[in-house]
Amino acid sequence: MFGYLAFMLTLAGAACLYLGSRNQRWRRNALPRKVAAPASALLLLLALASWIHAFRLDTGIFVFLTLLMLLWSCFPFLGVRKKGRR
């Protein structure tokens, strides 16, 4: 249960931080940084706590950081794919 919650929180936090970037490709305009940065920080902290609760401390941190790297690597390609379908 906590693994699923941690995954969803990580996905939401990473997407929120990505959408706050001026180089994001999902929307015409980026989300305001005053909203995106604190929201993503809160979501990512909750996600990290959930990963640590689901696994041991070292494993939870490793899974959290690895998933963030994967998501932030894939998000730009999803934006390009979306733009190509228009």
C-alpha atoms as a PDB file:
ATOM      1  CA  MET A   1       0.000   0.000   0.000  1.00  0.00           C
ATOM      2  CA  PHE A   2       2.734   2.464   0.935  1.00  0.00           C
ATOM      3  CA  GLY A   3       4.685   1.569  -2.199  1.00  0.00           C
ATOM      4  CA  TYR A   4       1.772   2.581  -4.412  1.00  0.00           C
ATOM      5  CA  LEU A   5       1.221   5.778  -2.423  1.00  0.00           C
ATOM      6  CA  ALA A   6       4.935   6.574  -2.586  1.00  0.00           C
ATOM      7  CA  PHE A   7       4.975   6.025  -6.354  1.00  0.00           C
ATOM      8  CA  MET A   8       1.991   8.313  -6.909  1.00  0.00           C
ATOM      9  CA  LEU A   9       3.429  11.035  -4.643  1.00  0.00           C
ATOM     10  CA  THR A  10       6.784  10.826  -6.432  1.00  0.00           C
ATOM     11  CA  LEU A  11       5.087  11.052  -9.817  1.00  0.00           C
ATOM     12  CA  ALA A  12       2.990  14.042  -8.747  1.00  0.00           C
ATOM     13  CA  GLY A  13       5.915  15.859  -7.128  1.00  0.00           C
ATOM     14  CA  ALA A  14       8.246  15.296 -10.064  1.00  0.00           C
ATOM     15  CA  ALA A  15       5.574  16.401 -12.544  1.00  0.00           C
ATOM     16  CA  CYS A  16       4.792  19.505 -10.497  1.00  0.00           C
ATOM     17  CA  LEU A  17       8.458  20.490 -10.412  1.00  0.00           C
ATOM     18  CA  TYR A  18       8.799  19.796 -14.144  1.00  0.00           C
ATOM     19  CA  LEU A  19       5.725  21.890 -14.957  1.00  0.00           C
ATOM     20  CA  GLY A  20       7.220  24.779 -12.991  1.00  0.00           C
ATOM     21  CA  SER A  21      10.246  24.848 -15.285  1.00  0.00           C
ATOM     22  CA  ARG A  22      10.299  27.366 -18.111  1.00  0.00           C
ATOM     23  CA  ASN A  23      11.627  24.644 -20.445  1.00  0.00           C
ATOM     24  CA  GLN A  24       8.722  22.253 -19.933  1.00  0.00           C
ATOM     25  CA  ARG A  25       6.854  21.080 -23.038  1.00  0.00           C
ATOM     26  CA  TRP A  26       3.506  19.944 -21.644  1.00  0.00           C
ATOM     27  CA  ARG A  27       1.744  23.297 -21.391  1.00  0.00           C
ATOM     28  CA  ARG A  28       2.009  26.610 -23.194  1.00  0.00           C
ATOM     29  CA  ASN A  29       3.090  28.410 -20.017  1.00  0.00           C
ATOM     30  CA  ALA A  30       4.898  27.053 -16.993  1.00  0.00           C
ATOM     31  CA  LEU A  31       3.202  26.919 -13.624  1.00  0.00           C
ATOM     32  CA  PRO A  32       4.087  29.849 -11.356  1.00  0.00           C
ATOM     33  CA  ARG A  33       7.235  29.031  -9.391  1.00  0.00           C
ATOM     34  CA  LYS A  34       5.719  30.360  -6.180  1.00  0.00           C
ATOM     35  CA  VAL A  35       3.125  27.597  -6.416  1.00  0.00           C
ATOM     36  CA  ALA A  36       5.042  24.792  -8.119  1.00  0.00           C
ATOM     37  CA  ALA A  37       8.181  24.796  -5.964  1.00  0.00           C
ATOM     38  CA  PRO A  38       6.540  24.500  -2.511  1.00  0.00           C
ATOM     39  CA  ALA A  39       3.916  22.050  -3.764  1.00  0.00           C
ATOM     40  CA  SER A  40       6.499  19.799  -5.373  1.00  0.00           C
ATOM     41  CA  ALA A  41       8.775  20.002  -2.320  1.00  0.00           C
ATOM     42  CA  LEU A  42       5.917  18.927  -0.055  1.00  0.00           C
ATOM     43  CA  LEU A  43       4.882  16.092  -2.375  1.00  0.00           C
ATOM     44  CA  LEU A  44       8.456  14.854  -2.736  1.00  0.00           C
ATOM     45  CA  LEU A  45       9.085  14.940   1.020  1.00  0.00           C
ATOM     46  CA  LEU A  46       5.905  12.946   1.601  1.00  0.00           C
ATOM     47  CA  ALA A  47       6.981  10.540  -1.130  1.00  0.00           C
ATOM     48  CA  LEU A  48      10.400  10.062   0.457  1.00  0.00           C
ATOM     49  CA  ALA A  49       8.791   9.381   3.832  1.00  0.00           C
ATOM     50  CA  SER A  50       6.464   6.852   2.194  1.00  0.00           C
ATOM     51  CA  TRP A  51       9.345   5.089   0.423  1.00  0.00           C
ATOM     52  CA  ILE A  52      11.257   4.880   3.696  1.00  0.00           C
ATOM     53  CA  HIS A  53       8.169   3.497   5.426  1.00  0.00           C
ATOM     54  CA  ALA A  54       7.614   0.935   2.666  1.00  0.00           C
ATOM     55  CA  PHE A  55      11.258  -0.227   2.634  1.00  0.00           C
ATOM     56  CA  ARG A  56      14.330   0.214   4.818  1.00  0.00           C
ATOM     57  CA  LEU A  57      15.994   3.634   5.022  1.00  0.00           C
ATOM     58  CA  ASP A  58      18.744   2.997   2.486  1.00  0.00           C
ATOM     59  CA  THR A  59      16.492   1.110   0.071  1.00  0.00           C
ATOM     60  CA  GLY A  60      13.759   3.748   0.291  1.00  0.00           C
ATOM     61  CA  ILE A  61      16.174   6.572  -0.503  1.00  0.00           C
ATOM     62  CA  PHE A  62      17.673   4.591  -3.391  1.00  0.00           C
ATOM     63  CA  VAL A  63      14.277   3.789  -4.922  1.00  0.00           C
ATOM     64  CA  PHE A  64      13.120   7.386  -4.479  1.00  0.00           C
ATOM     65  CA  LEU A  65      16.172   8.885  -6.203  1.00  0.00           C
ATOM     66  CA  THR A  66      16.202   6.282  -8.971  1.00  0.00           C
ATOM     67  CA  LEU A  67      12.537   6.881  -9.746  1.00  0.00           C
ATOM     68  CA  LEU A  68      13.117  10.653  -9.810  1.00  0.00           C
ATOM     69  CA  MET A  69      15.961  10.216 -12.301  1.00  0.00           C
ATOM     70  CA  LEU A  70      13.767   8.021 -14.483  1.00  0.00           C
ATOM     71  CA  LEU A  71      10.806  10.395 -14.397  1.00  0.00           C
ATOM     72  CA  TRP A  72      12.835  13.550 -15.042  1.00  0.00           C
ATOM     73  CA  SER A  73      14.549  11.792 -17.949  1.00  0.00           C
ATOM     74  CA  CYS A  74      11.255  10.706 -19.519  1.00  0.00           C
ATOM     75  CA  PHE A  75       9.173  13.874 -19.033  1.00  0.00           C
ATOM     76  CA  PRO A  76      10.807  15.891 -21.861  1.00  0.00           C
ATOM     77  CA  PHE A  77      10.317  13.014 -24.299  1.00  0.00           C
ATOM     78  CA  LEU A  78       6.634  12.779 -23.386  1.00  0.00           C
ATOM     79  CA  GLY A  79       6.293  16.485 -24.182  1.00  0.00           C
ATOM     80  CA  VAL A  80       7.946  16.043 -27.572  1.00  0.00           C
ATOM     81  CA  ARG A  81       5.710  13.083 -28.365  1.00  0.00           C
ATOM     82  CA  LYS A  82       2.625  15.084 -27.431  1.00  0.00           C
ATOM     83  CA  LYS A  83       3.756  17.988 -29.593  1.00  0.00           C
ATOM     84  CA  GLY A  84       4.354  15.649 -32.547  1.00  0.00           C
ATOM     85  CA  ARG A  85       0.735  14.441 -32.511  1.00  0.00           C
ATOM     86  CA  ARG A  86      -0.741  17.906 -32.980  1.00  0.00           C
END
